[in-house]
Amino acid sequence: MKKILQETNWKNIRSRYGMLLVFAIIIVLFSVLNPSFLTLSNWSRILIGQAVIGSVALGAIFILVIGEFDMSLGYMTAFTLMVGGYLSEKGCQAMAVIGAMFLAGVLAGLLNGCLIVLLKIPNAVATMGTGICMYGLTLAMSGGRVLALNIPGIVVEICNSRLLSIALPVYILAILMIIVYFILEFTPFGKKLYVIGGNERTAYLSGVNTKRYRIAAFMAAGLFVALGAVFILGQARAANPQRGPEYLMSAYATVYLSVTVFRPGTFNLRGVALSLLLLGAGFKGLSLAGMPYWFENVFYGIVLATAMLTANKETRAMKAG
């Protein structure tokens, strides 16, 4: 009996904290291969490189928590980015540019939510359709070129300023992750989202307005995607119509990987934060080891496939338990 309990405890520890061990191994391995891996400047680049992915991942977790999937997040990133670039070239002030980007993201999320929740269109079909539409609007606003005129100075300054050698977007993202963690874990809103994702019928019979909460989740996703677009606009000092779609896979890989740590089988913010660090460190370490730039997509694809398999395994285990 004692042996069984010990094995069970070890299994629980491994399931909850195994990714921490993987993260430690990655740090030790790449530090040995390249001493510059542990330098402050290198980790500063890793963190700023993950700021946009982290923002889109914050949006994706709201969608996944309620049991949905949004194929348009990458195109939405490009669309909100181009809204900012287009208005900048028209001479709009910083607050108008930023406000319009956030509004565009929220409205895009609202559209997705209405199509899926109210019109009952399958999420893959609805979000793929809206994504293609947003891509078309992105090309229309850009005219097929990069927009780099009159980008608001305050956006550029915020996105490129540093505090203790760390870029400000990293601090902004960290604060927002703490806020979202509190919302999802400790507020009625967050708890209801988890209940809807677990069993929407049960949530409805419990008195939860499931339609309203599901639409709100899509709108929250649009808000955080727009934040990522603001970071891109400030860092690049331009709006490139081709930027955006590549963040879809990276964001979902990050969120799906979160189910393997802290709360196995459940999308959780602590897991997302650790996943961001692990994936950023892993890819940067591979780059320092000489891997070509295109390997990033291969790397994230492998991680996403592995994470989804693990997520399904953890979910089945929880149901069986």
Protein backbone atom coordinates (compact mmCIF):
# COMPACT_ATOMS: atom_id res chain seq x y z
CA MET A 1 0.00 0.00 0.00
CA LYS A 2 2.82 2.36 0.91
CA LYS A 3 4.54 1.64 -2.39
CA ILE A 4 1.35 2.39 -4.32
CA LEU A 5 0.95 5.72 -2.51
CA GLN A 6 4.56 6.64 -3.24
CA GLU A 7 4.13 5.80 -6.93
CA THR A 8 0.93 7.84 -7.04
CA ASN A 9 2.59 10.83 -5.38
CA TRP A 10 5.52 10.64 -7.76
CA LYS A 11 3.15 10.43 -10.73
CA ASN A 12 1.28 13.52 -9.51
CA ILE A 13 4.51 15.45 -8.99
CA ARG A 14 5.82 14.46 -12.41
CA SER A 15 2.51 15.38 -14.05
CA ARG A 16 2.28 18.78 -12.36
CA TYR A 17 5.91 19.89 -12.43
CA GLY A 18 7.61 17.81 -15.13
CA MET A 19 7.88 20.80 -17.45
CA LEU A 20 9.91 22.64 -14.82
CA LEU A 21 12.47 19.85 -15.03
CA VAL A 22 12.46 20.08 -18.84
CA PHE A 23 12.98 23.84 -18.58
CA ALA A 24 15.92 23.36 -16.22
CA ILE A 25 17.46 20.77 -18.55
CA ILE A 26 17.13 23.16 -21.51
CA ILE A 27 18.87 25.94 -19.59
CA VAL A 28 21.73 23.70 -18.46
CA LEU A 29 22.16 22.06 -21.89
CA PHE A 30 22.28 25.26 -23.94
CA SER A 31 24.40 27.04 -21.34
CA VAL A 32 27.00 24.31 -21.71
CA LEU A 33 26.81 24.45 -25.52
CA ASN A 34 27.02 28.25 -25.62
CA PRO A 35 27.99 30.33 -22.53
CA SER A 36 26.25 33.40 -23.99
CA PHE A 37 22.89 31.65 -23.54
CA LEU A 38 22.70 32.69 -19.86
CA THR A 39 23.60 36.32 -20.41
CA LEU A 40 21.14 39.10 -19.54
CA SER A 41 21.18 40.44 -23.10
CA ASN A 42 20.24 37.03 -24.50
CA TRP A 43 17.34 36.57 -22.07
CA SER A 44 16.21 40.10 -22.79
CA ARG A 45 15.95 39.16 -26.48
CA ILE A 46 14.12 35.94 -25.59
CA LEU A 47 11.55 37.81 -23.50
CA ILE A 48 10.88 40.57 -26.02
CA GLY A 49 10.61 37.93 -28.75
CA GLN A 50 7.86 36.24 -26.76
CA ALA A 51 5.89 39.42 -25.97
CA VAL A 52 3.71 39.28 -29.09
CA ILE A 53 3.25 35.51 -28.89
CA GLY A 54 2.29 35.89 -25.23
CA SER A 55 -0.34 38.51 -26.07
CA VAL A 56 -1.94 36.32 -28.73
CA ALA A 57 -1.72 33.35 -26.34
CA LEU A 58 -3.65 35.34 -23.73
CA GLY A 59 -6.38 35.74 -26.30
CA ALA A 60 -6.25 32.08 -27.31
CA ILE A 61 -6.65 30.81 -23.75
CA PHE A 62 -10.06 32.50 -23.43
CA ILE A 63 -11.18 30.65 -26.55
CA LEU A 64 -9.80 27.28 -25.51
CA VAL A 65 -11.12 27.49 -21.95
CA ILE A 66 -14.71 27.57 -23.27
CA GLY A 67 -14.01 24.65 -25.58
CA GLU A 68 -13.82 26.60 -28.84
CA PHE A 69 -11.09 27.14 -31.43
CA ASP A 70 -10.38 30.34 -33.38
CA MET A 71 -8.57 29.96 -36.69
CA SER A 72 -8.59 33.71 -37.34
CA LEU A 73 -6.26 34.92 -34.57
CA GLY A 74 -3.26 35.22 -36.91
CA TYR A 75 -5.19 37.13 -39.56
CA MET A 76 -6.77 39.22 -36.80
CA THR A 77 -3.28 40.19 -35.67
CA ALA A 78 -2.42 41.35 -39.19
CA PHE A 79 -5.76 43.16 -39.54
CA THR A 80 -5.48 45.13 -36.30
CA LEU A 81 -1.83 45.89 -37.09
CA MET A 82 -2.81 47.28 -40.48
CA VAL A 83 -5.59 49.37 -38.92
CA GLY A 84 -2.86 51.04 -36.86
CA GLY A 85 -0.55 51.52 -39.83
CA TYR A 86 -3.33 52.85 -42.04
CA LEU A 87 -4.52 55.42 -39.50
CA SER A 88 -0.93 56.43 -38.76
CA GLU A 89 -0.34 57.22 -42.42
CA LYS A 90 -3.53 59.28 -42.39
CA GLY A 91 -2.03 61.42 -39.63
CA CYS A 92 -4.13 60.22 -36.67
CA GLN A 93 -2.83 60.78 -33.16
CA ALA A 94 -1.49 58.00 -30.93
CA MET A 95 -4.62 57.56 -28.81
CA ALA A 96 -6.82 57.34 -31.90
CA VAL A 97 -4.49 54.77 -33.49
CA ILE A 98 -4.25 52.59 -30.38
CA GLY A 99 -7.96 52.92 -29.61
CA ALA A 100 -8.92 51.96 -33.16
CA MET A 101 -6.66 48.89 -33.02
CA PHE A 102 -8.26 47.67 -29.81
CA LEU A 103 -11.74 48.42 -31.13
CA ALA A 104 -10.99 46.51 -34.33
CA GLY A 105 -9.84 43.51 -32.30
CA VAL A 106 -12.88 43.53 -30.02
CA LEU A 107 -15.30 43.91 -32.95
CA ALA A 108 -13.58 41.08 -34.82
CA GLY A 109 -13.95 38.91 -31.73
CA LEU A 110 -17.59 39.95 -31.41
CA LEU A 111 -18.22 38.94 -35.02
CA ASN A 112 -16.64 35.53 -34.46
CA GLY A 113 -18.64 35.05 -31.28
CA CYS A 114 -21.95 35.96 -32.92
CA LEU A 115 -21.36 33.68 -35.89
CA ILE A 116 -20.51 30.72 -33.66
CA VAL A 117 -22.78 31.28 -30.67
CA LEU A 118 -25.86 32.90 -32.19
CA LEU A 119 -25.83 31.53 -35.74
CA LYS A 120 -24.32 28.19 -34.63
CA ILE A 121 -21.78 28.04 -37.45
CA PRO A 122 -18.98 25.53 -36.63
CA ASN A 123 -16.03 27.42 -35.14
CA ALA A 124 -13.49 26.25 -37.72
CA VAL A 125 -15.70 27.34 -40.62
CA ALA A 126 -16.74 30.65 -39.06
CA THR A 127 -13.29 31.76 -37.96
CA MET A 128 -11.61 30.61 -41.15
CA GLY A 129 -14.13 32.68 -43.10
CA THR A 130 -13.69 35.80 -40.97
CA GLY A 131 -9.92 35.31 -41.08
CA ILE A 132 -9.90 35.28 -44.87
CA CYS A 133 -12.10 38.39 -44.90
CA MET A 134 -9.76 40.17 -42.48
CA TYR A 135 -6.79 39.24 -44.64
CA GLY A 136 -8.54 40.75 -47.62
CA LEU A 137 -9.20 43.97 -45.71
CA THR A 138 -5.58 43.97 -44.58
CA LEU A 139 -4.38 43.87 -48.19
CA ALA A 140 -6.90 46.54 -49.17
CA MET A 141 -5.65 48.95 -46.49
CA SER A 142 -2.01 48.27 -47.23
CA GLY A 143 -2.23 48.37 -51.01
CA GLY A 144 0.27 45.53 -50.96
CA ARG A 145 3.00 47.58 -49.28
CA VAL A 146 4.49 48.11 -45.83
CA LEU A 147 3.06 51.19 -44.09
CA ALA A 148 5.77 52.99 -42.14
CA LEU A 149 4.84 56.69 -42.19
CA ASN A 150 3.90 58.68 -39.08
CA ILE A 151 3.92 55.75 -36.66
CA PRO A 152 3.09 57.44 -33.31
CA GLY A 153 6.25 58.22 -31.37
CA ILE A 154 4.74 57.19 -28.04
CA VAL A 155 3.97 53.71 -29.40
CA VAL A 156 7.53 53.34 -30.66
CA GLU A 157 8.94 54.64 -27.38
CA ILE A 158 6.86 52.35 -25.19
CA CYS A 159 7.62 49.28 -27.27
CA ASN A 160 11.37 49.93 -27.44
CA SER A 161 12.15 51.49 -24.05
CA ARG A 162 13.89 49.35 -21.46
CA LEU A 163 13.81 49.10 -17.69
CA LEU A 164 16.68 47.14 -16.11
CA SER A 165 17.62 45.97 -19.63
CA ILE A 166 14.16 44.45 -20.17
CA ALA A 167 11.79 45.97 -22.75
CA LEU A 168 8.60 47.56 -21.42
CA PRO A 169 6.24 45.24 -23.38
CA VAL A 170 7.58 42.37 -21.27
CA TYR A 171 6.50 44.15 -18.07
CA ILE A 172 3.12 45.04 -19.61
CA LEU A 173 2.56 41.43 -20.61
CA ALA A 174 3.61 40.15 -17.17
CA ILE A 175 1.15 42.48 -15.43
CA LEU A 176 -1.66 41.48 -17.77
CA MET A 177 -0.91 37.78 -17.26
CA ILE A 178 -1.24 38.27 -13.51
CA ILE A 179 -4.57 40.05 -14.02
CA VAL A 180 -5.90 37.37 -16.38
CA TYR A 181 -4.71 34.66 -13.98
CA PHE A 182 -6.71 36.31 -11.20
CA ILE A 183 -9.77 36.66 -13.46
CA LEU A 184 -9.74 33.04 -14.61
CA GLU A 185 -8.91 31.47 -11.27
CA PHE A 186 -10.66 33.62 -8.66
CA THR A 187 -13.58 35.52 -10.19
CA PRO A 188 -17.09 34.27 -11.02
CA PHE A 189 -16.49 35.23 -14.66
CA GLY A 190 -13.44 33.00 -14.98
CA LYS A 191 -14.99 30.09 -13.08
CA LYS A 192 -18.04 30.20 -15.33
CA LEU A 193 -15.84 30.11 -18.42
CA TYR A 194 -14.21 26.91 -17.13
CA VAL A 195 -17.63 25.42 -16.34
CA ILE A 196 -18.85 26.23 -19.86
CA GLY A 197 -15.77 24.59 -21.33
CA GLY A 198 -16.26 21.52 -19.17
CA ASN A 199 -19.96 21.06 -19.90
CA GLU A 200 -21.98 23.85 -21.46
CA ARG A 201 -25.29 22.10 -20.79
CA THR A 202 -24.52 21.82 -17.09
CA ALA A 203 -23.51 25.49 -16.98
CA TYR A 204 -26.76 26.50 -18.69
CA LEU A 205 -28.89 24.44 -16.29
CA SER A 206 -27.01 26.09 -13.42
CA GLY A 207 -28.26 29.48 -14.55
CA VAL A 208 -25.22 30.68 -16.49
CA ASN A 209 -25.95 32.79 -19.56
CA THR A 210 -23.65 30.67 -21.69
CA LYS A 211 -24.19 32.65 -24.89
CA ARG A 212 -23.13 35.91 -23.28
CA TYR A 213 -20.03 34.39 -21.68
CA ARG A 214 -18.93 32.63 -24.85
CA ILE A 215 -19.24 35.81 -26.91
CA ALA A 216 -17.37 37.72 -24.18
CA ALA A 217 -14.52 35.18 -24.44
CA PHE A 218 -14.18 35.84 -28.17
CA MET A 219 -14.18 39.60 -27.55
CA ALA A 220 -11.46 39.20 -24.89
CA ALA A 221 -9.41 37.24 -27.41
CA GLY A 222 -9.69 40.10 -29.91
CA LEU A 223 -8.58 42.58 -27.25
CA PHE A 224 -5.36 40.73 -26.47
CA VAL A 225 -4.62 40.03 -30.12
CA ALA A 226 -4.83 43.79 -30.72
CA LEU A 227 -2.33 44.32 -27.89
CA GLY A 228 0.10 42.03 -29.71
CA ALA A 229 -0.44 44.08 -32.87
CA VAL A 230 0.39 47.28 -30.95
CA PHE A 231 3.65 45.67 -29.83
CA ILE A 232 4.49 44.74 -33.43
CA LEU A 233 3.70 48.23 -34.69
CA GLY A 234 5.94 49.85 -32.08
CA GLN A 235 8.82 47.40 -32.34
CA ALA A 236 8.94 47.30 -36.15
CA ARG A 237 7.93 50.98 -36.57
CA ALA A 238 5.81 49.76 -39.46
CA ALA A 239 2.76 47.71 -40.41
CA ASN A 240 3.60 44.81 -42.69
CA PRO A 241 0.54 43.04 -44.20
CA GLN A 242 2.42 39.73 -44.03
CA ARG A 243 2.96 39.93 -40.27
CA GLY A 244 0.41 38.14 -38.12
CA PRO A 245 -0.54 34.69 -39.46
CA GLU A 246 2.69 33.16 -38.14
CA TYR A 247 1.62 33.87 -34.55
CA LEU A 248 -1.38 31.53 -34.70
CA MET A 249 0.60 28.31 -34.38
CA SER A 250 3.02 29.77 -31.83
CA ALA A 251 0.20 30.98 -29.58
CA TYR A 252 -1.71 27.72 -29.69
CA ALA A 253 1.45 25.70 -29.07
CA THR A 254 2.04 27.82 -25.97
CA VAL A 255 -1.48 27.40 -24.60
CA TYR A 256 -1.77 23.69 -25.38
CA LEU A 257 1.55 23.08 -23.65
CA SER A 258 0.10 24.64 -20.48
CA VAL A 259 -2.10 21.57 -19.89
CA THR A 260 1.00 19.53 -19.09
CA VAL A 261 1.98 21.48 -15.98
CA PHE A 262 0.54 22.80 -12.68
CA ARG A 263 -3.07 21.80 -13.52
CA PRO A 264 -2.74 18.78 -15.83
CA GLY A 265 -5.51 18.56 -18.40
CA THR A 266 -6.59 22.18 -17.90
CA PHE A 267 -5.55 25.31 -19.79
CA ASN A 268 -3.99 27.53 -17.14
CA LEU A 269 -2.09 30.82 -17.01
CA ARG A 270 0.82 29.62 -14.91
CA GLY A 271 1.39 26.92 -17.51
CA VAL A 272 1.17 29.50 -20.31
CA ALA A 273 3.83 31.65 -18.63
CA LEU A 274 6.17 28.68 -18.22
CA SER A 275 5.47 27.54 -21.79
CA LEU A 276 6.43 30.97 -23.12
CA LEU A 277 9.76 30.81 -21.33
CA LEU A 278 10.41 27.21 -22.32
CA LEU A 279 9.59 27.70 -26.00
CA GLY A 280 11.50 30.97 -26.20
CA ALA A 281 14.54 29.48 -24.52
CA GLY A 282 14.33 26.31 -26.60
CA PHE A 283 14.22 28.08 -29.94
CA LYS A 284 16.87 30.63 -28.96
CA GLY A 285 19.13 27.84 -27.79
CA LEU A 286 18.68 26.02 -31.08
CA SER A 287 19.46 29.23 -32.96
CA LEU A 288 22.68 29.71 -31.00
CA ALA A 289 23.51 26.09 -31.76
CA GLY A 290 23.35 26.90 -35.48
CA MET A 291 19.82 25.93 -36.52
CA PRO A 292 18.53 27.91 -39.55
CA TYR A 293 15.81 30.54 -39.14
CA TRP A 294 13.13 28.41 -40.85
CA PHE A 295 13.44 25.78 -38.14
CA GLU A 296 11.29 27.96 -35.86
CA ASN A 297 8.14 26.88 -37.69
CA VAL A 298 9.22 23.23 -37.55
CA PHE A 299 9.98 23.59 -33.85
CA TYR A 300 6.59 25.11 -33.02
CA GLY A 301 4.80 22.55 -35.21
CA ILE A 302 6.43 19.66 -33.34
CA VAL A 303 5.65 21.27 -29.98
CA LEU A 304 2.02 21.92 -30.97
CA ALA A 305 1.47 18.34 -32.12
CA THR A 306 3.11 16.95 -28.99
CA ALA A 307 1.17 19.31 -26.72
CA MET A 308 -2.17 18.41 -28.32
CA LEU A 309 -1.47 14.69 -27.91
CA THR A 310 -0.53 15.29 -24.29
CA ALA A 311 -3.63 17.44 -23.74
CA ASN A 312 -5.87 14.66 -25.05
CA LYS A 313 -4.10 12.12 -22.88
CA GLU A 314 -4.42 14.28 -19.77
CA THR A 315 -8.11 14.97 -20.49
CA ARG A 316 -8.86 11.25 -20.90
CA ALA A 317 -6.99 10.51 -17.68
CA MET A 318 -8.99 13.10 -15.78
CA LYS A 319 -12.31 11.76 -17.12
CA ALA A 320 -11.28 8.21 -16.27
CA GLY A 321 -10.33 9.32 -12.77
